[in-house]
Amino acid sequence: MSSPLIQLSGVDLSLGRGAARVHILRGISLEVGHGEAVGLVGPSGSGKSSLLMTVAGLERVDAGKVEIAGQDLAKLDEDDLAEFRGRNIGIVFQSFHLIPTMTALQNVAVPLELAGREDAFERAVAELQAVGLGDRLAHYPAELSGGEQQRVAVARALAPNPAIICADEPTGNLDETTGAQIADLIFRLRNERGATLLLVTHDLPLAERCDRIVHMRSGTVDAGLADAADRAVVAPAPV
Protein backbone atom coordinates (compact mmCIF):
# COMPACT_ATOMS: atom_id res chain seq x y z
CA MET A 1 0.00 0.00 0.00
CA SER A 2 1.43 3.39 -0.97
CA SER A 3 2.08 5.97 1.72
CA PRO A 4 -0.36 8.90 2.01
CA LEU A 5 0.43 12.07 0.08
CA ILE A 6 -0.53 14.22 3.08
CA GLN A 7 0.19 13.07 6.62
CA LEU A 8 -0.38 15.17 9.74
CA SER A 9 0.60 13.68 13.09
CA GLY A 10 -0.37 15.30 16.41
CA VAL A 11 -0.41 18.81 14.94
CA ASP A 12 -0.86 21.79 17.25
CA LEU A 13 -1.00 25.37 16.00
CA SER A 14 -1.29 28.64 17.91
CA LEU A 15 -1.44 32.13 16.42
CA GLY A 16 -0.85 35.52 17.98
CA ARG A 17 1.36 36.67 20.85
CA GLY A 18 1.05 36.95 24.60
CA ALA A 19 -2.50 37.30 25.91
CA ALA A 20 -3.79 37.42 22.33
CA ARG A 21 -2.32 34.00 21.49
CA VAL A 22 -5.05 31.56 20.42
CA HIS A 23 -4.78 27.78 20.23
CA ILE A 24 -6.12 27.06 16.71
CA LEU A 25 -5.42 23.38 16.01
CA ARG A 26 -5.29 20.74 18.72
CA GLY A 27 -3.55 17.42 18.26
CA ILE A 28 -4.81 16.71 14.75
CA SER A 29 -3.69 13.62 12.86
CA LEU A 30 -4.93 13.20 9.31
CA GLU A 31 -3.98 11.20 6.24
CA VAL A 32 -5.00 12.00 2.67
CA GLY A 33 -4.21 9.65 -0.20
CA HIS A 34 -2.92 10.34 -3.68
CA GLY A 35 -5.73 11.66 -5.89
CA GLU A 36 -8.24 11.87 -3.03
CA ALA A 37 -10.68 14.77 -2.66
CA VAL A 38 -11.40 15.77 0.95
CA GLY A 39 -13.92 18.38 2.06
CA LEU A 40 -13.17 20.25 5.30
CA VAL A 41 -16.37 21.53 6.89
CA GLY A 42 -17.34 23.04 10.22
CA PRO A 43 -18.41 26.27 11.93
CA SER A 44 -16.52 29.52 11.45
CA GLY A 45 -13.44 29.48 13.68
CA SER A 46 -13.23 25.70 13.77
CA GLY A 47 -9.75 25.69 12.22
CA LYS A 48 -10.57 24.62 8.66
CA SER A 49 -8.59 27.33 6.89
CA SER A 50 -5.73 27.07 9.39
CA LEU A 51 -5.50 23.34 8.71
CA LEU A 52 -5.39 24.06 4.99
CA MET A 53 -2.66 26.69 5.45
CA THR A 54 -0.70 24.23 7.59
CA VAL A 55 -0.79 21.65 4.80
CA ALA A 56 0.29 24.35 2.33
CA GLY A 57 3.23 25.29 4.54
CA LEU A 58 1.94 28.83 5.08
CA GLU A 59 1.68 28.26 8.83
CA ARG A 60 4.42 26.65 10.93
CA VAL A 61 3.07 24.27 13.58
CA ASP A 62 3.96 24.40 17.29
CA ALA A 63 4.05 20.63 17.69
CA GLY A 64 3.55 17.50 15.64
CA LYS A 65 4.63 16.72 12.10
CA VAL A 66 3.39 17.79 8.67
CA GLU A 67 4.61 15.51 5.88
CA ILE A 68 3.77 16.23 2.25
CA ALA A 69 4.88 13.71 -0.37
CA GLY A 70 7.27 12.27 2.20
CA GLN A 71 8.84 15.65 3.00
CA ASP A 72 8.78 16.87 6.62
CA LEU A 73 7.98 20.58 6.17
CA ALA A 74 9.67 21.47 9.48
CA LYS A 75 13.03 20.51 7.96
CA LEU A 76 12.77 23.13 5.21
CA ASP A 77 13.88 26.73 5.61
CA GLU A 78 11.65 29.47 4.23
CA ASP A 79 13.27 29.55 0.79
CA ASP A 80 13.20 25.77 0.38
CA LEU A 81 9.64 25.67 1.68
CA ALA A 82 8.53 28.28 -0.85
CA GLU A 83 10.18 26.30 -3.64
CA PHE A 84 8.60 23.05 -2.43
CA ARG A 85 5.16 24.70 -2.24
CA GLY A 86 5.56 26.19 -5.71
CA ARG A 87 6.26 22.76 -7.18
CA ASN A 88 3.75 20.69 -5.25
CA ILE A 89 0.83 22.79 -3.99
CA GLY A 90 -1.63 25.07 -5.80
CA ILE A 91 -3.74 27.39 -3.64
CA VAL A 92 -7.09 28.96 -4.52
CA PHE A 93 -8.33 31.54 -2.00
CA GLN A 94 -11.80 32.99 -1.41
CA SER A 95 -10.39 36.41 -2.32
CA PHE A 96 -8.75 36.15 -5.68
CA HIS A 97 -5.40 37.78 -4.74
CA LEU A 98 -4.65 38.88 -8.28
CA ILE A 99 -2.12 41.67 -8.87
CA PRO A 100 -4.23 44.57 -10.19
CA THR A 101 -1.47 46.06 -12.35
CA MET A 102 -0.92 42.79 -14.22
CA THR A 103 -3.03 41.27 -16.97
CA ALA A 104 -4.65 37.87 -16.60
CA LEU A 105 -1.77 36.38 -18.59
CA GLN A 106 0.86 38.06 -16.43
CA ASN A 107 -0.87 37.02 -13.20
CA VAL A 108 -0.52 33.38 -14.25
CA ALA A 109 2.84 33.59 -16.03
CA VAL A 110 4.93 35.69 -13.64
CA PRO A 111 4.90 33.16 -10.75
CA LEU A 112 5.99 30.48 -13.22
CA GLU A 113 8.72 32.78 -14.56
CA LEU A 114 9.97 33.49 -11.04
CA ALA A 115 10.10 29.73 -10.44
CA GLY A 116 12.43 29.40 -13.42
CA ARG A 117 10.00 28.02 -16.00
CA GLU A 118 11.28 28.92 -19.46
CA ASP A 119 7.84 28.20 -20.94
CA ALA A 120 6.04 30.40 -18.39
CA PHE A 121 3.96 32.43 -20.85
CA GLU A 122 3.14 29.48 -23.09
CA ARG A 123 2.02 27.51 -20.05
CA ALA A 124 -0.04 30.45 -18.79
CA VAL A 125 -1.83 30.77 -22.13
CA ALA A 126 -2.69 27.07 -22.07
CA GLU A 127 -4.01 27.26 -18.50
CA LEU A 128 -6.16 30.32 -19.20
CA GLN A 129 -7.58 28.57 -22.24
CA ALA A 130 -8.33 25.54 -20.03
CA VAL A 131 -10.44 27.70 -17.71
CA GLY A 132 -12.27 29.37 -20.59
CA LEU A 133 -10.40 32.69 -20.67
CA GLY A 134 -8.44 32.36 -23.88
CA ASP A 135 -10.00 35.60 -25.12
CA ARG A 136 -9.27 37.56 -21.91
CA LEU A 137 -5.49 37.24 -21.72
CA ALA A 138 -4.80 40.98 -21.96
CA HIS A 139 -7.51 42.06 -19.52
CA TYR A 140 -6.66 43.45 -16.08
CA PRO A 141 -8.49 42.19 -12.95
CA ALA A 142 -10.67 45.32 -12.79
CA GLU A 143 -11.88 44.50 -16.30
CA LEU A 144 -12.94 40.97 -15.30
CA SER A 145 -16.03 39.77 -13.43
CA GLY A 146 -15.66 38.03 -10.08
CA GLY A 147 -16.08 34.65 -11.70
CA GLU A 148 -13.48 35.47 -14.33
CA GLN A 149 -11.03 36.65 -11.68
CA GLN A 150 -11.47 33.36 -9.82
CA ARG A 151 -10.87 31.48 -13.08
CA VAL A 152 -7.56 33.34 -13.39
CA ALA A 153 -6.76 32.36 -9.81
CA VAL A 154 -7.55 28.70 -10.59
CA ALA A 155 -5.35 28.85 -13.69
CA ARG A 156 -2.51 30.34 -11.63
CA ALA A 157 -2.86 27.62 -8.96
CA LEU A 158 -2.87 24.78 -11.49
CA ALA A 159 -0.25 26.09 -13.91
CA PRO A 160 2.67 24.31 -12.14
CA ASN A 161 0.64 21.06 -12.34
CA PRO A 162 0.73 20.58 -8.55
CA ALA A 163 0.06 17.26 -6.85
CA ILE A 164 -2.18 19.02 -4.30
CA ILE A 165 -4.86 21.68 -4.76
CA CYS A 166 -5.79 23.60 -1.61
CA ALA A 167 -9.04 25.51 -2.12
CA ASP A 168 -10.21 27.80 0.68
CA GLU A 169 -13.87 28.75 0.17
CA PRO A 170 -13.26 29.18 -3.59
CA THR A 171 -16.92 30.02 -4.25
CA GLY A 172 -17.44 32.19 -1.15
CA ASN A 173 -17.28 35.56 -2.93
CA LEU A 174 -19.40 34.51 -5.90
CA ASP A 175 -23.11 34.34 -6.62
CA GLU A 176 -24.73 30.92 -6.69
CA THR A 177 -24.59 30.39 -10.44
CA THR A 178 -21.01 31.59 -10.83
CA GLY A 179 -19.94 29.65 -7.75
CA ALA A 180 -21.37 26.46 -9.21
CA GLN A 181 -19.42 27.07 -12.42
CA ILE A 182 -16.17 27.56 -10.50
CA ALA A 183 -16.83 24.42 -8.45
CA ASP A 184 -17.45 22.43 -11.62
CA LEU A 185 -14.23 23.81 -13.09
CA ILE A 186 -12.12 22.87 -10.05
CA PHE A 187 -13.50 19.33 -9.89
CA ARG A 188 -13.15 18.84 -13.65
CA LEU A 189 -9.53 19.97 -13.73
CA ARG A 190 -8.72 18.00 -10.60
CA ASN A 191 -10.20 14.85 -12.12
CA GLU A 192 -8.37 15.36 -15.43
CA ARG A 193 -5.02 15.76 -13.69
CA GLY A 194 -5.44 13.24 -10.89
CA ALA A 195 -4.56 15.84 -8.26
CA THR A 196 -5.36 15.59 -4.58
CA LEU A 197 -7.93 18.19 -3.47
CA LEU A 198 -8.39 19.73 -0.03
CA LEU A 199 -11.53 21.87 -0.11
CA VAL A 200 -12.63 24.17 2.72
CA THR A 201 -16.29 25.11 2.40
CA HIS A 202 -19.41 26.01 4.35
CA ASP A 203 -21.45 24.50 1.51
CA LEU A 204 -22.25 20.91 2.50
CA PRO A 205 -23.57 19.88 -0.95
CA LEU A 206 -20.27 21.09 -2.43
CA ALA A 207 -18.30 19.14 0.19
CA GLU A 208 -20.34 16.04 -0.62
CA ARG A 209 -18.83 16.05 -4.11
CA CYS A 210 -15.56 15.03 -2.46
CA ASP A 211 -14.56 11.44 -1.73
CA ARG A 212 -14.62 12.12 1.99
CA ILE A 213 -15.72 14.82 4.43
CA VAL A 214 -13.75 15.81 7.52
CA HIS A 215 -15.83 17.71 10.08
CA MET A 216 -13.99 20.16 12.32
CA ARG A 217 -14.98 21.80 15.58
CA SER A 218 -12.90 23.94 17.97
CA GLY A 219 -9.62 23.03 16.33
CA THR A 220 -10.17 19.29 16.28
CA VAL A 221 -11.76 16.76 13.99
CA ASP A 222 -15.26 16.12 15.32
CA ALA A 223 -15.15 12.36 15.80
CA GLY A 224 -18.90 12.31 16.45
CA LEU A 225 -19.54 13.48 12.89
CA ALA A 226 -16.80 11.54 11.16
CA ASP A 227 -17.83 8.74 8.84
CA ALA A 228 -16.56 5.28 9.55
CA ALA A 229 -14.55 5.59 6.36
CA ASP A 230 -12.76 8.71 7.57
CA ARG A 231 -9.12 8.21 8.35
CA ALA A 232 -8.87 11.33 10.49
CA VAL A 233 -7.79 10.72 14.07
CA VAL A 234 -7.79 13.21 16.89
CA ALA A 235 -5.37 13.06 19.79
CA PRO A 236 -6.65 14.36 23.15
CA ALA A 237 -6.56 18.14 23.33
CA PRO A 238 -3.97 19.57 25.72
CA VAL A 239 -5.23 20.34 29.20
C-alpha atoms as a PDB file:
ATOM      1  CA  MET A   1       0.000   0.000   0.000  1.00  0.00           C
ATOM      2  CA  SER A   2       1.430   3.391  -0.969  1.00  0.00           C
ATOM      3  CA  SER A   3       2.076   5.975   1.716  1.00  0.00           C
ATOM      4  CA  PRO A   4      -0.358   8.900   2.009  1.00  0.00           C
ATOM      5  CA  LEU A   5       0.426  12.065   0.084  1.00  0.00           C
ATOM      6  CA  ILE A   6      -0.527  14.220   3.076  1.00  0.00           C
ATOM      7  CA  GLN A   7       0.187  13.074   6.622  1.00  0.00           C
ATOM      8  CA  LEU A   8      -0.375  15.169   9.736  1.00  0.00           C
ATOM      9  CA  SER A   9       0.598  13.679  13.093  1.00  0.00           C
ATOM     10  CA  GLY A  10      -0.370  15.299  16.411  1.00  0.00           C
ATOM     11  CA  VAL A  11      -0.411  18.806  14.944  1.00  0.00           C
ATOM     12  CA  ASP A  12      -0.857  21.786  17.254  1.00  0.00           C
ATOM     13  CA  LEU A  13      -0.999  25.367  15.996  1.00  0.00           C
ATOM     14  CA  SER A  14      -1.291  28.636  17.910  1.00  0.00           C
ATOM     15  CA  LEU A  15      -1.440  32.131  16.418  1.00  0.00           C
ATOM     16  CA  GLY A  16      -0.845  35.523  17.975  1.00  0.00           C
ATOM     17  CA  ARG A  17       1.364  36.666  20.846  1.00  0.00           C
ATOM     18  CA  GLY A  18       1.047  36.952  24.602  1.00  0.00           C
ATOM     19  CA  ALA A  19      -2.497  37.295  25.909  1.00  0.00           C
ATOM     20  CA  ALA A  20      -3.791  37.418  22.333  1.00  0.00           C
ATOM     21  CA  ARG A  21      -2.322  33.998  21.493  1.00  0.00           C
ATOM     22  CA  VAL A  22      -5.046  31.559  20.418  1.00  0.00           C
ATOM     23  CA  HIS A  23      -4.781  27.775  20.228  1.00  0.00           C
ATOM     24  CA  ILE A  24      -6.116  27.065  16.710  1.00  0.00           C
ATOM     25  CA  LEU A  25      -5.416  23.378  16.013  1.00  0.00           C
ATOM     26  CA  ARG A  26      -5.291  20.741  18.720  1.00  0.00           C
ATOM     27  CA  GLY A  27      -3.548  17.417  18.263  1.00  0.00           C
ATOM     28  CA  ILE A  28      -4.815  16.710  14.751  1.00  0.00           C
ATOM     29  CA  SER A  29      -3.690  13.625  12.865  1.00  0.00           C
ATOM     30  CA  LEU A  30      -4.929  13.204   9.313  1.00  0.00           C
ATOM     31  CA  GLU A  31      -3.979  11.201   6.241  1.00  0.00           C
ATOM     32  CA  VAL A  32      -5.002  11.998   2.672  1.00  0.00           C
ATOM     33  CA  GLY A  33      -4.207   9.651  -0.196  1.00  0.00           C
ATOM     34  CA  HIS A  34      -2.922  10.345  -3.684  1.00  0.00           C
ATOM     35  CA  GLY A  35      -5.731  11.660  -5.888  1.00  0.00           C
ATOM     36  CA  GLU A  36      -8.240  11.868  -3.035  1.00  0.00           C
ATOM     37  CA  ALA A  37     -10.683  14.774  -2.659  1.00  0.00           C
ATOM     38  CA  VAL A  38     -11.402  15.767   0.946  1.00  0.00           C
ATOM     39  CA  GLY A  39     -13.917  18.381   2.057  1.00  0.00           C
ATOM     40  CA  LEU A  40     -13.171  20.251   5.296  1.00  0.00           C
ATOM     41  CA  VAL A  41     -16.370  21.526   6.889  1.00  0.00           C
ATOM     42  CA  GLY A  42     -17.339  23.044  10.221  1.00  0.00           C
ATOM     43  CA  PRO A  43     -18.414  26.272  11.933  1.00  0.00           C
ATOM     44  CA  SER A  44     -16.518  29.522  11.450  1.00  0.00           C
ATOM     45  CA  GLY A  45     -13.444  29.480  13.678  1.00  0.00           C
ATOM     46  CA  SER A  46     -13.234  25.696  13.774  1.00  0.00           C
ATOM     47  CA  GLY A  47      -9.753  25.685  12.225  1.00  0.00           C
ATOM     48  CA  LYS A  48     -10.567  24.620   8.660  1.00  0.00           C
ATOM     49  CA  SER A  49      -8.587  27.328   6.890  1.00  0.00           C
ATOM     50  CA  SER A  50      -5.732  27.069   9.393  1.00  0.00           C
ATOM     51  CA  LEU A  51      -5.504  23.335   8.714  1.00  0.00           C
ATOM     52  CA  LEU A  52      -5.388  24.062   4.988  1.00  0.00           C
ATOM     53  CA  MET A  53      -2.663  26.689   5.446  1.00  0.00           C
ATOM     54  CA  THR A  54      -0.697  24.230   7.586  1.00  0.00           C
ATOM     55  CA  VAL A  55      -0.795  21.652   4.799  1.00  0.00           C
ATOM     56  CA  ALA A  56       0.292  24.351   2.333  1.00  0.00           C
ATOM     57  CA  GLY A  57       3.227  25.294   4.543  1.00  0.00           C
ATOM     58  CA  LEU A  58       1.941  28.829   5.081  1.00  0.00           C
ATOM     59  CA  GLU A  59       1.677  28.261   8.835  1.00  0.00           C
ATOM     60  CA  ARG A  60       4.421  26.647  10.930  1.00  0.00           C
ATOM     61  CA  VAL A  61       3.065  24.274  13.582  1.00  0.00           C
ATOM     62  CA  ASP A  62       3.964  24.402  17.290  1.00  0.00           C
ATOM     63  CA  ALA A  63       4.046  20.631  17.692  1.00  0.00           C
ATOM     64  CA  GLY A  64       3.550  17.501  15.636  1.00  0.00           C
ATOM     65  CA  LYS A  65       4.628  16.717  12.096  1.00  0.00           C
ATOM     66  CA  VAL A  66       3.387  17.789   8.666  1.00  0.00           C
ATOM     67  CA  GLU A  67       4.614  15.511   5.881  1.00  0.00           C
ATOM     68  CA  ILE A  68       3.771  16.234   2.246  1.00  0.00           C
ATOM     69  CA  ALA A  69       4.884  13.713  -0.375  1.00  0.00           C
ATOM     70  CA  GLY A  70       7.273  12.267   2.201  1.00  0.00           C
ATOM     71  CA  GLN A  71       8.837  15.646   3.005  1.00  0.00           C
ATOM     72  CA  ASP A  72       8.783  16.868   6.617  1.00  0.00           C
ATOM     73  CA  LEU A  73       7.983  20.576   6.173  1.00  0.00           C
ATOM     74  CA  ALA A  74       9.667  21.468   9.475  1.00  0.00           C
ATOM     75  CA  LYS A  75      13.034  20.506   7.958  1.00  0.00           C
ATOM     76  CA  LEU A  76      12.772  23.126   5.205  1.00  0.00           C
ATOM     77  CA  ASP A  77      13.881  26.732   5.613  1.00  0.00           C
ATOM     78  CA  GLU A  78      11.652  29.467   4.229  1.00  0.00           C
ATOM     79  CA  ASP A  79      13.271  29.552   0.790  1.00  0.00           C
ATOM     80  CA  ASP A  80      13.203  25.772   0.382  1.00  0.00           C
ATOM     81  CA  LEU A  81       9.641  25.669   1.682  1.00  0.00           C
ATOM     82  CA  ALA A  82       8.526  28.283  -0.849  1.00  0.00           C
ATOM     83  CA  GLU A  83      10.183  26.299  -3.644  1.00  0.00           C
ATOM     84  CA  PHE A  84       8.596  23.054  -2.431  1.00  0.00           C
ATOM     85  CA  ARG A  85       5.164  24.695  -2.240  1.00  0.00           C
ATOM     86  CA  GLY A  86       5.560  26.188  -5.708  1.00  0.00           C
ATOM     87  CA  ARG A  87       6.259  22.759  -7.181  1.00  0.00           C
ATOM     88  CA  ASN A  88       3.746  20.688  -5.249  1.00  0.00           C
ATOM     89  CA  ILE A  89       0.826  22.792  -3.992  1.00  0.00           C
ATOM     90  CA  GLY A  90      -1.627  25.074  -5.795  1.00  0.00           C
ATOM     91  CA  ILE A  91      -3.741  27.386  -3.640  1.00  0.00           C
ATOM     92  CA  VAL A  92      -7.091  28.961  -4.517  1.00  0.00           C
ATOM     93  CA  PHE A  93      -8.330  31.539  -1.997  1.00  0.00           C
ATOM     94  CA  GLN A  94     -11.802  32.991  -1.409  1.00  0.00           C
ATOM     95  CA  SER A  95     -10.385  36.411  -2.322  1.00  0.00           C
ATOM     96  CA  PHE A  96      -8.747  36.151  -5.683  1.00  0.00           C
ATOM     97  CA  HIS A  97      -5.401  37.776  -4.741  1.00  0.00           C
ATOM     98  CA  LEU A  98      -4.651  38.882  -8.285  1.00  0.00           C
ATOM     99  CA  ILE A  99      -2.121  41.668  -8.870  1.00  0.00           C
ATOM    100  CA  PRO A 100      -4.231  44.570 -10.187  1.00  0.00           C
ATOM    101  CA  THR A 101      -1.473  46.062 -12.348  1.00  0.00           C
ATOM    102  CA  MET A 102      -0.923  42.788 -14.219  1.00  0.00           C
ATOM    103  CA  THR A 103      -3.034  41.267 -16.973  1.00  0.00           C
ATOM    104  CA  ALA A 104      -4.650  37.867 -16.601  1.00  0.00           C
ATOM    105  CA  LEU A 105      -1.774  36.382 -18.590  1.00  0.00           C
ATOM    106  CA  GLN A 106       0.856  38.059 -16.430  1.00  0.00           C
ATOM    107  CA  ASN A 107      -0.865  37.020 -13.198  1.00  0.00           C
ATOM    108  CA  VAL A 108      -0.518  33.382 -14.249  1.00  0.00           C
ATOM    109  CA  ALA A 109       2.842  33.587 -16.028  1.00  0.00           C
ATOM    110  CA  VAL A 110       4.932  35.691 -13.642  1.00  0.00           C
ATOM    111  CA  PRO A 111       4.900  33.164 -10.755  1.00  0.00           C
ATOM    112  CA  LEU A 112       5.992  30.483 -13.223  1.00  0.00           C
ATOM    113  CA  GLU A 113       8.716  32.778 -14.556  1.00  0.00           C
ATOM    114  CA  LEU A 114       9.974  33.495 -11.042  1.00  0.00           C
ATOM    115  CA  ALA A 115      10.098  29.734 -10.441  1.00  0.00           C
ATOM    116  CA  GLY A 116      12.429  29.404 -13.418  1.00  0.00           C
ATOM    117  CA  ARG A 117      10.004  28.024 -15.996  1.00  0.00           C
ATOM    118  CA  GLU A 118      11.275  28.921 -19.461  1.00  0.00           C
ATOM    119  CA  ASP A 119       7.838  28.202 -20.943  1.00  0.00           C
ATOM    120  CA  ALA A 120       6.037  30.403 -18.394  1.00  0.00           C
ATOM    121  CA  PHE A 121       3.960  32.425 -20.846  1.00  0.00           C
ATOM    122  CA  GLU A 122       3.140  29.483 -23.091  1.00  0.00           C
ATOM    123  CA  ARG A 123       2.024  27.515 -20.047  1.00  0.00           C
ATOM    124  CA  ALA A 124      -0.037  30.454 -18.786  1.00  0.00           C
ATOM    125  CA  VAL A 125      -1.834  30.768 -22.127  1.00  0.00           C
ATOM    126  CA  ALA A 126      -2.690  27.069 -22.067  1.00  0.00           C
ATOM    127  CA  GLU A 127      -4.010  27.263 -18.504  1.00  0.00           C
ATOM    128  CA  LEU A 128      -6.156  30.318 -19.198  1.00  0.00           C
ATOM    129  CA  GLN A 129      -7.575  28.569 -22.236  1.00  0.00           C
ATOM    130  CA  ALA A 130      -8.325  25.538 -20.034  1.00  0.00           C
ATOM    131  CA  VAL A 131     -10.439  27.705 -17.714  1.00  0.00           C
ATOM    132  CA  GLY A 132     -12.269  29.366 -20.590  1.00  0.00           C
ATOM    133  CA  LEU A 133     -10.401  32.685 -20.669  1.00  0.00           C
ATOM    134  CA  GLY A 134      -8.437  32.357 -23.882  1.00  0.00           C
ATOM    135  CA  ASP A 135      -9.997  35.602 -25.125  1.00  0.00           C
ATOM    136  CA  ARG A 136      -9.274  37.560 -21.913  1.00  0.00           C
ATOM    137  CA  LEU A 137      -5.489  37.243 -21.721  1.00  0.00           C
ATOM    138  CA  ALA A 138      -4.798  40.980 -21.958  1.00  0.00           C
ATOM    139  CA  HIS A 139      -7.514  42.064 -19.525  1.00  0.00           C
ATOM    140  CA  TYR A 140      -6.664  43.447 -16.076  1.00  0.00           C
ATOM    141  CA  PRO A 141      -8.486  42.185 -12.953  1.00  0.00           C
ATOM    142  CA  ALA A 142     -10.670  45.323 -12.794  1.00  0.00           C
ATOM    143  CA  GLU A 143     -11.883  44.497 -16.297  1.00  0.00           C
ATOM    144  CA  LEU A 144     -12.943  40.967 -15.295  1.00  0.00           C
ATOM    145  CA  SER A 145     -16.027  39.770 -13.432  1.00  0.00           C
ATOM    146  CA  GLY A 146     -15.659  38.029 -10.082  1.00  0.00           C
ATOM    147  CA  GLY A 147     -16.081  34.651 -11.702  1.00  0.00           C
ATOM    148  CA  GLU A 148     -13.475  35.469 -14.333  1.00  0.00           C
ATOM    149  CA  GLN A 149     -11.029  36.646 -11.676  1.00  0.00           C
ATOM    150  CA  GLN A 150     -11.471  33.362  -9.824  1.00  0.00           C
ATOM    151  CA  ARG A 151     -10.868  31.481 -13.076  1.00  0.00           C
ATOM    152  CA  VAL A 152      -7.562  33.341 -13.393  1.00  0.00           C
ATOM    153  CA  ALA A 153      -6.755  32.364  -9.806  1.00  0.00           C
ATOM    154  CA  VAL A 154      -7.554  28.705 -10.589  1.00  0.00           C
ATOM    155  CA  ALA A 155      -5.354  28.849 -13.686  1.00  0.00           C
ATOM    156  CA  ARG A 156      -2.514  30.338 -11.625  1.00  0.00           C
ATOM    157  CA  ALA A 157      -2.857  27.622  -8.961  1.00  0.00           C
ATOM    158  CA  LEU A 158      -2.872  24.783 -11.487  1.00  0.00           C
ATOM    159  CA  ALA A 159      -0.248  26.089 -13.905  1.00  0.00           C
ATOM    160  CA  PRO A 160       2.672  24.312 -12.137  1.00  0.00           C
ATOM    161  CA  ASN A 161       0.636  21.064 -12.340  1.00  0.00           C
ATOM    162  CA  PRO A 162       0.731  20.585  -8.550  1.00  0.00           C
ATOM    163  CA  ALA A 163       0.058  17.264  -6.854  1.00  0.00           C
ATOM    164  CA  ILE A 164      -2.176  19.023  -4.299  1.00  0.00           C
ATOM    165  CA  ILE A 165      -4.857  21.678  -4.765  1.00  0.00           C
ATOM    166  CA  CYS A 166      -5.792  23.601  -1.610  1.00  0.00           C
ATOM    167  CA  ALA A 167      -9.041  25.509  -2.124  1.00  0.00           C
ATOM    168  CA  ASP A 168     -10.210  27.802   0.679  1.00  0.00           C
ATOM    169  CA  GLU A 169     -13.872  28.753   0.167  1.00  0.00           C
ATOM    170  CA  PRO A 170     -13.260  29.175  -3.589  1.00  0.00           C
ATOM    171  CA  THR A 171     -16.923  30.024  -4.249  1.00  0.00           C
ATOM    172  CA  GLY A 172     -17.442  32.188  -1.145  1.00  0.00           C
ATOM    173  CA  ASN A 173     -17.277  35.562  -2.927  1.00  0.00           C
ATOM    174  CA  LEU A 174     -19.398  34.509  -5.900  1.00  0.00           C
ATOM    175  CA  ASP A 175     -23.110  34.345  -6.621  1.00  0.00           C
ATOM    176  CA  GLU A 176     -24.733  30.925  -6.687  1.00  0.00           C
ATOM    177  CA  THR A 177     -24.590  30.393 -10.440  1.00  0.00           C
ATOM    178  CA  THR A 178     -21.007  31.590 -10.832  1.00  0.00           C
ATOM    179  CA  GLY A 179     -19.942  29.655  -7.747  1.00  0.00           C
ATOM    180  CA  ALA A 180     -21.371  26.464  -9.209  1.00  0.00           C
ATOM    181  CA  GLN A 181     -19.422  27.070 -12.424  1.00  0.00           C
ATOM    182  CA  ILE A 182     -16.168  27.560 -10.503  1.00  0.00           C
ATOM    183  CA  ALA A 183     -16.825  24.421  -8.445  1.00  0.00           C
ATOM    184  CA  ASP A 184     -17.449  22.426 -11.623  1.00  0.00           C
ATOM    185  CA  LEU A 185     -14.229  23.805 -13.085  1.00  0.00           C
ATOM    186  CA  ILE A 186     -12.120  22.875 -10.052  1.00  0.00           C
ATOM    187  CA  PHE A 187     -13.501  19.333  -9.891  1.00  0.00           C
ATOM    188  CA  ARG A 188     -13.152  18.841 -13.649  1.00  0.00           C
ATOM    189  CA  LEU A 189      -9.530  19.967 -13.730  1.00  0.00           C
ATOM    190  CA  ARG A 190      -8.719  18.001 -10.595  1.00  0.00           C
ATOM    191  CA  ASN A 191     -10.200  14.845 -12.122  1.00  0.00           C
ATOM    192  CA  GLU A 192      -8.374  15.358 -15.430  1.00  0.00           C
ATOM    193  CA  ARG A 193      -5.020  15.757 -13.685  1.00  0.00           C
ATOM    194  CA  GLY A 194      -5.442  13.235 -10.886  1.00  0.00           C
ATOM    195  CA  ALA A 195      -4.557  15.836  -8.261  1.00  0.00           C
ATOM    196  CA  THR A 196      -5.365  15.587  -4.577  1.00  0.00           C
ATOM    197  CA  LEU A 197      -7.926  18.186  -3.467  1.00  0.00           C
ATOM    198  CA  LEU A 198      -8.392  19.726  -0.030  1.00  0.00           C
ATOM    199  CA  LEU A 199     -11.534  21.874  -0.107  1.00  0.00           C
ATOM    200  CA  VAL A 200     -12.626  24.166   2.719  1.00  0.00           C
ATOM    201  CA  THR A 201     -16.287  25.107   2.403  1.00  0.00           C
ATOM    202  CA  HIS A 202     -19.415  26.008   4.349  1.00  0.00           C
ATOM    203  CA  ASP A 203     -21.446  24.499   1.506  1.00  0.00           C
ATOM    204  CA  LEU A 204     -22.245  20.911   2.503  1.00  0.00           C
ATOM    205  CA  PRO A 205     -23.571  19.885  -0.951  1.00  0.00           C
ATOM    206  CA  LEU A 206     -20.267  21.088  -2.428  1.00  0.00           C
ATOM    207  CA  ALA A 207     -18.300  19.144   0.187  1.00  0.00           C
ATOM    208  CA  GLU A 208     -20.341  16.044  -0.622  1.00  0.00           C
ATOM    209  CA  ARG A 209     -18.829  16.048  -4.109  1.00  0.00           C
ATOM    210  CA  CYS A 210     -15.560  15.029  -2.459  1.00  0.00           C
ATOM    211  CA  ASP A 211     -14.558  11.443  -1.733  1.00  0.00           C
ATOM    212  CA  ARG A 212     -14.618  12.121   1.994  1.00  0.00           C
ATOM    213  CA  ILE A 213     -15.719  14.819   4.430  1.00  0.00           C
ATOM    214  CA  VAL A 214     -13.747  15.811   7.522  1.00  0.00           C
ATOM    215  CA  HIS A 215     -15.827  17.714  10.082  1.00  0.00           C
ATOM    216  CA  MET A 216     -13.990  20.163  12.318  1.00  0.00           C
ATOM    217  CA  ARG A 217     -14.984  21.798  15.576  1.00  0.00           C
ATOM    218  CA  SER A 218     -12.900  23.936  17.966  1.00  0.00           C
ATOM    219  CA  GLY A 219      -9.621  23.035  16.325  1.00  0.00           C
ATOM    220  CA  THR A 220     -10.174  19.290  16.278  1.00  0.00           C
ATOM    221  CA  VAL A 221     -11.762  16.759  13.992  1.00  0.00           C
ATOM    222  CA  ASP A 222     -15.265  16.120  15.324  1.00  0.00           C
ATOM    223  CA  ALA A 223     -15.155  12.360  15.801  1.00  0.00           C
ATOM    224  CA  GLY A 224     -18.898  12.305  16.445  1.00  0.00           C
ATOM    225  CA  LEU A 225     -19.538  13.481  12.886  1.00  0.00           C
ATOM    226  CA  ALA A 226     -16.801  11.538  11.158  1.00  0.00           C
ATOM    227  CA  ASP A 227     -17.834   8.737   8.837  1.00  0.00           C
ATOM    228  CA  ALA A 228     -16.558   5.275   9.550  1.00  0.00           C
ATOM    229  CA  ALA A 229     -14.550   5.594   6.355  1.00  0.00           C
ATOM    230  CA  ASP A 230     -12.761   8.713   7.574  1.00  0.00           C
ATOM    231  CA  ARG A 231      -9.118   8.208   8.348  1.00  0.00           C
ATOM    232  CA  ALA A 232      -8.866  11.325  10.488  1.00  0.00           C
ATOM    233  CA  VAL A 233      -7.787  10.725  14.068  1.00  0.00           C
ATOM    234  CA  VAL A 234      -7.789  13.213  16.885  1.00  0.00           C
ATOM    235  CA  ALA A 235      -5.374  13.061  19.795  1.00  0.00           C
ATOM    236  CA  PRO A 236      -6.645  14.358  23.147  1.00  0.00           C
ATOM    237  CA  ALA A 237      -6.558  18.137  23.325  1.00  0.00           C
ATOM    238  CA  PRO A 238      -3.967  19.571  25.720  1.00  0.00           C
ATOM    239  CA  VAL A 239      -5.234  20.339  29.204  1.00  0.00           C
END
